[in-house]
PDB file of N, CA and C in Angstrom:
ATOM      1  N   MET A   1     -42.029  11.680  -7.742  1.00  0.00           N
ATOM      2  CA  MET A   1     -40.976  10.802  -7.263  1.00  0.00           C
ATOM      3  C   MET A   1     -40.078  10.414  -8.438  1.00  0.00           C
ATOM      4  N   ALA A   2     -38.809  10.487  -8.212  1.00  0.00           N
ATOM      5  CA  ALA A   2     -37.853  10.128  -9.257  1.00  0.00           C
ATOM      6  C   ALA A   2     -37.885   8.622  -9.483  1.00  0.00           C
ATOM      7  N   ASP A   3     -37.589   8.219 -10.691  1.00  0.00           N
ATOM      8  CA  ASP A   3     -37.578   6.798 -11.024  1.00  0.00           C
ATOM      9  C   ASP A   3     -36.202   6.415 -11.532  1.00  0.00           C
ATOM     10  N   GLY A   4     -35.190   6.650 -10.723  1.00  0.00           N
ATOM     11  CA  GLY A   4     -33.822   6.348 -11.110  1.00  0.00           C
ATOM     12  C   GLY A   4     -33.400   4.959 -10.667  1.00  0.00           C
ATOM     13  N   PRO A   5     -32.139   4.631 -10.903  1.00  0.00           N
ATOM     14  CA  PRO A   5     -31.631   3.300 -10.577  1.00  0.00           C
ATOM     15  C   PRO A   5     -31.794   2.917  -9.103  1.00  0.00           C
ATOM     16  N   LEU A   6     -31.524   3.854  -8.203  1.00  0.00           N
ATOM     17  CA  LEU A   6     -31.648   3.544  -6.780  1.00  0.00           C
ATOM     18  C   LEU A   6     -33.089   3.196  -6.418  1.00  0.00           C
ATOM     19  N   GLU A   7     -34.038   3.944  -6.952  1.00  0.00           N
ATOM     20  CA  GLU A   7     -35.450   3.674  -6.671  1.00  0.00           C
ATOM     21  C   GLU A   7     -35.857   2.305  -7.215  1.00  0.00           C
ATOM     22  N   HIS A   8     -35.321   1.949  -8.373  1.00  0.00           N
ATOM     23  CA  HIS A   8     -35.603   0.644  -8.975  1.00  0.00           C
ATOM     24  C   HIS A   8     -35.070  -0.474  -8.072  1.00  0.00           C
ATOM     25  N   VAL A   9     -33.866  -0.289  -7.553  1.00  0.00           N
ATOM     26  CA  VAL A   9     -33.266  -1.279  -6.653  1.00  0.00           C
ATOM     27  C   VAL A   9     -34.048  -1.357  -5.348  1.00  0.00           C
ATOM     28  N   LEU A  10     -34.432  -0.228  -4.805  1.00  0.00           N
ATOM     29  CA  LEU A  10     -35.209  -0.246  -3.557  1.00  0.00           C
ATOM     30  C   LEU A  10     -36.536  -0.961  -3.747  1.00  0.00           C
ATOM     31  N   ALA A  11     -37.143  -0.799  -4.911  1.00  0.00           N
ATOM     32  CA  ALA A  11     -38.380  -1.522  -5.207  1.00  0.00           C
ATOM     33  C   ALA A  11     -38.108  -3.027  -5.254  1.00  0.00           C
ATOM     34  N   ALA A  12     -36.996  -3.429  -5.838  1.00  0.00           N
ATOM     35  CA  ALA A  12     -36.635  -4.846  -5.904  1.00  0.00           C
ATOM     36  C   ALA A  12     -36.415  -5.408  -4.501  1.00  0.00           C
ATOM     37  N   ILE A  13     -35.774  -4.633  -3.647  1.00  0.00           N
ATOM     38  CA  ILE A  13     -35.518  -5.063  -2.268  1.00  0.00           C
ATOM     39  C   ILE A  13     -36.830  -5.178  -1.499  1.00  0.00           C
ATOM     40  N   ARG A  14     -37.687  -4.178  -1.630  1.00  0.00           N
ATOM     41  CA  ARG A  14     -38.977  -4.221  -0.922  1.00  0.00           C
ATOM     42  C   ARG A  14     -39.813  -5.415  -1.371  1.00  0.00           C
ATOM     43  N   LEU A  15     -39.830  -5.667  -2.654  1.00  0.00           N
ATOM     44  CA  LEU A  15     -40.609  -6.787  -3.184  1.00  0.00           C
ATOM     45  C   LEU A  15     -40.114  -8.115  -2.624  1.00  0.00           C
ATOM     46  N   LYS A  16     -38.817  -8.337  -2.662  1.00  0.00           N
ATOM     47  CA  LYS A  16     -38.268  -9.587  -2.141  1.00  0.00           C
ATOM     48  C   LYS A  16     -38.477  -9.695  -0.629  1.00  0.00           C
ATOM     49  N   ALA A  17     -38.388  -8.567   0.075  1.00  0.00           N
ATOM     50  CA  ALA A  17     -38.545  -8.584   1.528  1.00  0.00           C
ATOM     51  C   ALA A  17     -39.953  -8.996   1.951  1.00  0.00           C
ATOM     52  N   THR A  18     -40.941  -8.786   1.090  1.00  0.00           N
ATOM     53  CA  THR A  18     -42.313  -9.152   1.445  1.00  0.00           C
ATOM     54  C   THR A  18     -42.490 -10.655   1.542  1.00  0.00           C
ATOM     55  N   GLY A  19     -41.641 -11.412   0.868  1.00  0.00           N
ATOM     56  CA  GLY A  19     -41.747 -12.858   0.883  1.00  0.00           C
ATOM     57  C   GLY A  19     -42.574 -13.417  -0.251  1.00  0.00           C
ATOM     58  N   MET A  20     -43.193 -12.566  -1.020  1.00  0.00           N
ATOM     59  CA  MET A  20     -44.004 -13.039  -2.135  1.00  0.00           C
ATOM     60  C   MET A  20     -43.108 -13.455  -3.291  1.00  0.00           C
ATOM     61  N   ALA A  21     -43.478 -14.520  -3.957  1.00  0.00           N
ATOM     62  CA  ALA A  21     -42.739 -14.950  -5.136  1.00  0.00           C
ATOM     63  C   ALA A  21     -42.960 -13.919  -6.238  1.00  0.00           C
ATOM     64  N   THR A  22     -41.914 -13.592  -6.971  1.00  0.00           N
ATOM     65  CA  THR A  22     -42.055 -12.598  -8.037  1.00  0.00           C
ATOM     66  C   THR A  22     -42.776 -13.164  -9.245  1.00  0.00           C
ATOM     67  N   MET A  23     -42.712 -14.465  -9.420  1.00  0.00           N
ATOM     68  CA  MET A  23     -43.400 -15.103 -10.542  1.00  0.00           C
ATOM     69  C   MET A  23     -44.158 -16.311 -10.001  1.00  0.00           C
ATOM     70  N   PRO A  24     -45.434 -16.140  -9.617  1.00  0.00           N
ATOM     71  CA  PRO A  24     -46.191 -17.270  -9.078  1.00  0.00           C
ATOM     72  C   PRO A  24     -46.178 -18.450 -10.041  1.00  0.00           C
ATOM     73  N   THR A  25     -46.089 -19.623  -9.475  1.00  0.00           N
ATOM     74  CA  THR A  25     -46.004 -20.832 -10.294  1.00  0.00           C
ATOM     75  C   THR A  25     -47.302 -21.621 -10.259  1.00  0.00           C
ATOM     76  N   GLY A  26     -48.413 -20.955 -10.096  1.00  0.00           N
ATOM     77  CA  GLY A  26     -49.698 -21.642 -10.078  1.00  0.00           C
ATOM     78  C   GLY A  26     -50.141 -21.960  -8.666  1.00  0.00           C
ATOM     79  N   GLU A  27     -50.878 -23.037  -8.531  1.00  0.00           N
ATOM     80  CA  GLU A  27     -51.427 -23.357  -7.218  1.00  0.00           C
ATOM     81  C   GLU A  27     -50.372 -23.838  -6.231  1.00  0.00           C
ATOM     82  N   HIS A  28     -49.159 -24.070  -6.704  1.00  0.00           N
ATOM     83  CA  HIS A  28     -48.076 -24.513  -5.835  1.00  0.00           C
ATOM     84  C   HIS A  28     -47.050 -23.391  -5.634  1.00  0.00           C
ATOM     85  N   SER A  29     -47.511 -22.161  -5.593  1.00  0.00           N
ATOM     86  CA  SER A  29     -46.608 -21.028  -5.416  1.00  0.00           C
ATOM     87  C   SER A  29     -45.896 -21.106  -4.071  1.00  0.00           C
ATOM     88  N   VAL A  30     -44.675 -20.664  -4.055  1.00  0.00           N
ATOM     89  CA  VAL A  30     -43.889 -20.650  -2.835  1.00  0.00           C
ATOM     90  C   VAL A  30     -44.006 -19.268  -2.207  1.00  0.00           C
ATOM     91  N   ILE A  31     -44.336 -19.246  -0.928  1.00  0.00           N
ATOM     92  CA  ILE A  31     -44.349 -17.994  -0.187  1.00  0.00           C
ATOM     93  C   ILE A  31     -43.191 -18.056   0.805  1.00  0.00           C
ATOM     94  N   TYR A  32     -42.318 -17.097   0.734  1.00  0.00           N
ATOM     95  CA  TYR A  32     -41.158 -17.050   1.609  1.00  0.00           C
ATOM     96  C   TYR A  32     -41.475 -16.200   2.829  1.00  0.00           C
ATOM     97  N   PRO A  33     -40.752 -16.411   3.931  1.00  0.00           N
ATOM     98  CA  PRO A  33     -40.980 -15.558   5.098  1.00  0.00           C
ATOM     99  C   PRO A  33     -40.581 -14.112   4.788  1.00  0.00           C
ATOM    100  N   ALA A  34     -41.353 -13.184   5.277  1.00  0.00           N
ATOM    101  CA  ALA A  34     -41.040 -11.764   5.095  1.00  0.00           C
ATOM    102  C   ALA A  34     -39.852 -11.394   5.970  1.00  0.00           C
ATOM    103  N   VAL A  35     -39.063 -10.444   5.491  1.00  0.00           N
ATOM    104  CA  VAL A  35     -37.934  -9.921   6.258  1.00  0.00           C
ATOM    105  C   VAL A  35     -38.033  -8.399   6.275  1.00  0.00           C
ATOM    106  N   ASP A  36     -37.360  -7.787   7.214  1.00  0.00           N
ATOM    107  CA  ASP A  36     -37.359  -6.331   7.326  1.00  0.00           C
ATOM    108  C   ASP A  36     -36.539  -5.745   6.177  1.00  0.00           C
ATOM    109  N   TYR A  37     -37.196  -4.988   5.302  1.00  0.00           N
ATOM    110  CA  TYR A  37     -36.487  -4.483   4.121  1.00  0.00           C
ATOM    111  C   TYR A  37     -35.401  -3.475   4.480  1.00  0.00           C
ATOM    112  N   LYS A  38     -35.567  -2.760   5.582  1.00  0.00           N
ATOM    113  CA  LYS A  38     -34.536  -1.792   5.980  1.00  0.00           C
ATOM    114  C   LYS A  38     -33.264  -2.521   6.422  1.00  0.00           C
ATOM    115  N   ILE A  39     -33.433  -3.599   7.152  1.00  0.00           N
ATOM    116  CA  ILE A  39     -32.272  -4.385   7.580  1.00  0.00           C
ATOM    117  C   ILE A  39     -31.633  -5.052   6.367  1.00  0.00           C
ATOM    118  N   LEU A  40     -32.456  -5.582   5.478  1.00  0.00           N
ATOM    119  CA  LEU A  40     -31.935  -6.186   4.246  1.00  0.00           C
ATOM    120  C   LEU A  40     -31.136  -5.155   3.460  1.00  0.00           C
ATOM    121  N   GLY A  41     -31.696  -3.976   3.278  1.00  0.00           N
ATOM    122  CA  GLY A  41     -30.999  -2.918   2.550  1.00  0.00           C
ATOM    123  C   GLY A  41     -29.687  -2.521   3.198  1.00  0.00           C
ATOM    124  N   ARG A  42     -29.689  -2.445   4.527  1.00  0.00           N
ATOM    125  CA  ARG A  42     -28.461  -2.083   5.243  1.00  0.00           C
ATOM    126  C   ARG A  42     -27.392  -3.156   5.063  1.00  0.00           C
ATOM    127  N   ARG A  43     -27.798  -4.425   5.139  1.00  0.00           N
ATOM    128  CA  ARG A  43     -26.830  -5.507   4.949  1.00  0.00           C
ATOM    129  C   ARG A  43     -26.275  -5.509   3.526  1.00  0.00           C
ATOM    130  N   LEU A  44     -27.128  -5.214   2.562  1.00  0.00           N
ATOM    131  CA  LEU A  44     -26.675  -5.163   1.170  1.00  0.00           C
ATOM    132  C   LEU A  44     -25.722  -3.989   0.959  1.00  0.00           C
ATOM    133  N   LYS A  45     -25.993  -2.881   1.631  1.00  0.00           N
ATOM    134  CA  LYS A  45     -25.097  -1.728   1.532  1.00  0.00           C
ATOM    135  C   LYS A  45     -23.748  -2.057   2.172  1.00  0.00           C
ATOM    136  N   ASP A  46     -23.804  -2.701   3.340  1.00  0.00           N
ATOM    137  CA  ASP A  46     -22.577  -3.015   4.070  1.00  0.00           C
ATOM    138  C   ASP A  46     -21.671  -3.979   3.314  1.00  0.00           C
ATOM    139  N   ASN A  47     -22.248  -4.940   2.564  1.00  0.00           N
ATOM    140  CA  ASN A  47     -21.395  -5.913   1.883  1.00  0.00           C
ATOM    141  C   ASN A  47     -21.095  -5.539   0.427  1.00  0.00           C
ATOM    142  N   GLY A  48     -21.556  -4.376  -0.020  1.00  0.00           N
ATOM    143  CA  GLY A  48     -21.244  -3.907  -1.371  1.00  0.00           C
ATOM    144  C   GLY A  48     -22.215  -4.354  -2.449  1.00  0.00           C
ATOM    145  N   ALA A  49     -23.168  -5.209  -2.093  1.00  0.00           N
ATOM    146  CA  ALA A  49     -24.114  -5.713  -3.083  1.00  0.00           C
ATOM    147  C   ALA A  49     -25.038  -4.610  -3.593  1.00  0.00           C
ATOM    148  N   LEU A  50     -25.412  -3.686  -2.725  1.00  0.00           N
ATOM    149  CA  LEU A  50     -26.309  -2.604  -3.134  1.00  0.00           C
ATOM    150  C   LEU A  50     -25.698  -1.788  -4.272  1.00  0.00           C
ATOM    151  N   ALA A  51     -24.420  -1.489  -4.168  1.00  0.00           N
ATOM    152  CA  ALA A  51     -23.746  -0.723  -5.223  1.00  0.00           C
ATOM    153  C   ALA A  51     -23.761  -1.478  -6.551  1.00  0.00           C
ATOM    154  N   LYS A  52     -23.541  -2.804  -6.499  1.00  0.00           N
ATOM    155  CA  LYS A  52     -23.592  -3.607  -7.723  1.00  0.00           C
ATOM    156  C   LYS A  52     -24.992  -3.594  -8.326  1.00  0.00           C
ATOM    157  N   MET A  53     -25.983  -3.679  -7.474  1.00  0.00           N
ATOM    158  CA  MET A  53     -27.364  -3.692  -7.942  1.00  0.00           C
ATOM    159  C   MET A  53     -27.736  -2.360  -8.587  1.00  0.00           C
ATOM    160  N   VAL A  54     -27.301  -1.258  -7.981  1.00  0.00           N
ATOM    161  CA  VAL A  54     -27.581   0.068  -8.543  1.00  0.00           C
ATOM    162  C   VAL A  54     -26.874   0.229  -9.884  1.00  0.00           C
ATOM    163  N   LYS A  55     -25.655  -0.257  -9.979  1.00  0.00           N
ATOM    164  CA  LYS A  55     -24.916  -0.184 -11.251  1.00  0.00           C
ATOM    165  C   LYS A  55     -25.671  -0.947 -12.336  1.00  0.00           C
ATOM    166  N   CYS A  56     -26.177  -2.125 -11.994  1.00  0.00           N
ATOM    167  CA  CYS A  56     -26.951  -2.914 -12.960  1.00  0.00           C
ATOM    168  C   CYS A  56     -28.229  -2.171 -13.348  1.00  0.00           C
ATOM    169  N   ALA A  57     -28.901  -1.601 -12.355  1.00  0.00           N
ATOM    170  CA  ALA A  57     -30.180  -0.918 -12.597  1.00  0.00           C
ATOM    171  C   ALA A  57     -30.003   0.346 -13.428  1.00  0.00           C
ATOM    172  N   SER A  58     -28.784   0.871 -13.493  1.00  0.00           N
ATOM    173  CA  SER A  58     -28.555   2.089 -14.275  1.00  0.00           C
ATOM    174  C   SER A  58     -28.552   1.816 -15.777  1.00  0.00           C
ATOM    175  N   LYS A  59     -28.502   0.540 -16.150  1.00  0.00           N
ATOM    176  CA  LYS A  59     -28.584   0.176 -17.565  1.00  0.00           C
ATOM    177  C   LYS A  59     -30.044   0.199 -17.994  1.00  0.00           C
ATOM    178  N   ASN A  60     -30.284   0.330 -19.262  1.00  0.00           N
ATOM    179  CA  ASN A  60     -31.654   0.369 -19.773  1.00  0.00           C
ATOM    180  C   ASN A  60     -32.278  -1.022 -19.791  1.00  0.00           C
ATOM    181  N   ASN A  61     -33.564  -1.041 -19.496  1.00  0.00           N
ATOM    182  CA  ASN A  61     -34.390  -2.248 -19.653  1.00  0.00           C
ATOM    183  C   ASN A  61     -33.885  -3.467 -18.888  1.00  0.00           C
ATOM    184  N   VAL A  62     -33.572  -3.302 -17.615  1.00  0.00           N
ATOM    185  CA  VAL A  62     -33.201  -4.453 -16.797  1.00  0.00           C
ATOM    186  C   VAL A  62     -34.382  -4.827 -15.909  1.00  0.00           C
ATOM    187  N   SER A  63     -34.542  -6.106 -15.685  1.00  0.00           N
ATOM    188  CA  SER A  63     -35.639  -6.587 -14.860  1.00  0.00           C
ATOM    189  C   SER A  63     -35.208  -6.647 -13.395  1.00  0.00           C
ATOM    190  N   LEU A  64     -36.185  -6.820 -12.522  1.00  0.00           N
ATOM    191  CA  LEU A  64     -35.874  -6.969 -11.101  1.00  0.00           C
ATOM    192  C   LEU A  64     -35.039  -8.220 -10.867  1.00  0.00           C
ATOM    193  N   ILE A  65     -35.307  -9.256 -11.619  1.00  0.00           N
ATOM    194  CA  ILE A  65     -34.527 -10.490 -11.491  1.00  0.00           C
ATOM    195  C   ILE A  65     -33.073 -10.245 -11.887  1.00  0.00           C
ATOM    196  N   GLN A  66     -32.857  -9.515 -12.973  1.00  0.00           N
ATOM    197  CA  GLN A  66     -31.486  -9.208 -13.404  1.00  0.00           C
ATOM    198  C   GLN A  66     -30.753  -8.379 -12.355  1.00  0.00           C
ATOM    199  N   ILE A  67     -31.473  -7.484 -11.701  1.00  0.00           N
ATOM    200  CA  ILE A  67     -30.849  -6.674 -10.649  1.00  0.00           C
ATOM    201  C   ILE A  67     -30.354  -7.577  -9.528  1.00  0.00           C
ATOM    202  N   TRP A  68     -31.185  -8.507  -9.083  1.00  0.00           N
ATOM    203  CA  TRP A  68     -30.771  -9.437  -8.027  1.00  0.00           C
ATOM    204  C   TRP A  68     -29.633 -10.322  -8.503  1.00  0.00           C
ATOM    205  N   GLN A  69     -29.689 -10.800  -9.725  1.00  0.00           N
ATOM    206  CA  GLN A  69     -28.656 -11.692 -10.241  1.00  0.00           C
ATOM    207  C   GLN A  69     -27.318 -10.985 -10.423  1.00  0.00           C
ATOM    208  N   SER A  70     -27.328  -9.672 -10.484  1.00  0.00           N
ATOM    209  CA  SER A  70     -26.081  -8.921 -10.654  1.00  0.00           C
ATOM    210  C   SER A  70     -25.206  -8.960  -9.408  1.00  0.00           C
ATOM    211  N   ALA A  71     -25.772  -9.363  -8.287  1.00  0.00           N
ATOM    212  CA  ALA A  71     -25.027  -9.412  -7.028  1.00  0.00           C
ATOM    213  C   ALA A  71     -25.365 -10.715  -6.294  1.00  0.00           C
ATOM    214  N   PRO A  72     -24.655 -11.797  -6.610  1.00  0.00           N
ATOM    215  CA  PRO A  72     -24.941 -13.078  -5.959  1.00  0.00           C
ATOM    216  C   PRO A  72     -24.898 -13.005  -4.432  1.00  0.00           C
ATOM    217  N   GLU A  73     -24.047 -12.125  -3.903  1.00  0.00           N
ATOM    218  CA  GLU A  73     -23.973 -11.985  -2.446  1.00  0.00           C
ATOM    219  C   GLU A  73     -25.272 -11.406  -1.880  1.00  0.00           C
ATOM    220  N   ALA A  74     -26.009 -10.656  -2.681  1.00  0.00           N
ATOM    221  CA  ALA A  74     -27.299 -10.132  -2.241  1.00  0.00           C
ATOM    222  C   ALA A  74     -28.301 -11.269  -2.073  1.00  0.00           C
ATOM    223  N   ILE A  75     -28.263 -12.205  -2.998  1.00  0.00           N
ATOM    224  CA  ILE A  75     -29.153 -13.370  -2.906  1.00  0.00           C
ATOM    225  C   ILE A  75     -28.808 -14.176  -1.663  1.00  0.00           C
ATOM    226  N   ALA A  76     -27.516 -14.331  -1.386  1.00  0.00           N
ATOM    227  CA  ALA A  76     -27.084 -15.077  -0.203  1.00  0.00           C
ATOM    228  C   ALA A  76     -27.577 -14.402   1.080  1.00  0.00           C
ATOM    229  N   VAL A  77     -27.495 -13.077   1.140  1.00  0.00           N
ATOM    230  CA  VAL A  77     -27.972 -12.341   2.311  1.00  0.00           C
ATOM    231  C   VAL A  77     -29.473 -12.529   2.474  1.00  0.00           C
ATOM    232  N   LEU A  78     -30.217 -12.423   1.393  1.00  0.00           N
ATOM    233  CA  LEU A  78     -31.664 -12.613   1.443  1.00  0.00           C
ATOM    234  C   LEU A  78     -32.000 -14.020   1.938  1.00  0.00           C
ATOM    235  N   GLN A  79     -31.326 -15.027   1.414  1.00  0.00           N
ATOM    236  CA  GLN A  79     -31.575 -16.408   1.843  1.00  0.00           C
ATOM    237  C   GLN A  79     -31.252 -16.591   3.322  1.00  0.00           C
ATOM    238  N   GLU A  80     -30.170 -15.980   3.764  1.00  0.00           N
ATOM    239  CA  GLU A  80     -29.778 -16.058   5.182  1.00  0.00           C
ATOM    240  C   GLU A  80     -30.851 -15.418   6.067  1.00  0.00           C
ATOM    241  N   MET A  81     -31.339 -14.269   5.649  1.00  0.00           N
ATOM    242  CA  MET A  81     -32.363 -13.584   6.439  1.00  0.00           C
ATOM    243  C   MET A  81     -33.669 -14.379   6.471  1.00  0.00           C
ATOM    244  N   ARG A  82     -33.997 -15.037   5.372  1.00  0.00           N
ATOM    245  CA  ARG A  82     -35.204 -15.868   5.341  1.00  0.00           C
ATOM    246  C   ARG A  82     -35.053 -17.047   6.305  1.00  0.00           C
ATOM    247  N   LYS A  83     -33.867 -17.636   6.366  1.00  0.00           N
ATOM    248  CA  LYS A  83     -33.635 -18.721   7.314  1.00  0.00           C
ATOM    249  C   LYS A  83     -33.772 -18.221   8.746  1.00  0.00           C
ATOM    250  N   GLU A  84     -33.217 -17.035   9.006  1.00  0.00           N
ATOM    251  CA  GLU A  84     -33.314 -16.440  10.342  1.00  0.00           C
ATOM    252  C   GLU A  84     -34.779 -16.194  10.719  1.00  0.00           C
ATOM    253  N   ALA A  85     -35.582 -15.807   9.738  1.00  0.00           N
ATOM    254  CA  ALA A  85     -36.997 -15.487   9.998  1.00  0.00           C
ATOM    255  C   ALA A  85     -37.828 -16.724  10.334  1.00  0.00           C
ATOM    256  N   THR A  86     -37.341 -17.891   9.938  1.00  0.00           N
ATOM    257  CA  THR A  86     -38.106 -19.116  10.207  1.00  0.00           C
ATOM    258  C   THR A  86     -37.685 -19.785  11.502  1.00  0.00           C
ATOM    259  N   LYS A  87     -36.679 -19.261  12.178  1.00  0.00           N
ATOM    260  CA  LYS A  87     -36.219 -19.860  13.435  1.00  0.00           C
ATOM    261  C   LYS A  87     -37.107 -19.445  14.585  1.00  0.00           C
TER     262      LYS A  87
END
């Protein structure tokens, strides 16, 4: 399996879609509602955030957090989907 920028971004999307916190904060860790990663990915593609994330991931030594931070609209979509999942 290739390990290029797109694969790195897809891994970041899948991880966030699971609802697990990327950096547990101890016994008070926050667990977010899971969302469908395919729908999340499609929404990110539709609003242009996916392209920004892939561009960021094409640089050397970027973290998953940096990939998400490269597209603030991606974070907004994820937050919106999490709210939808709790309704």
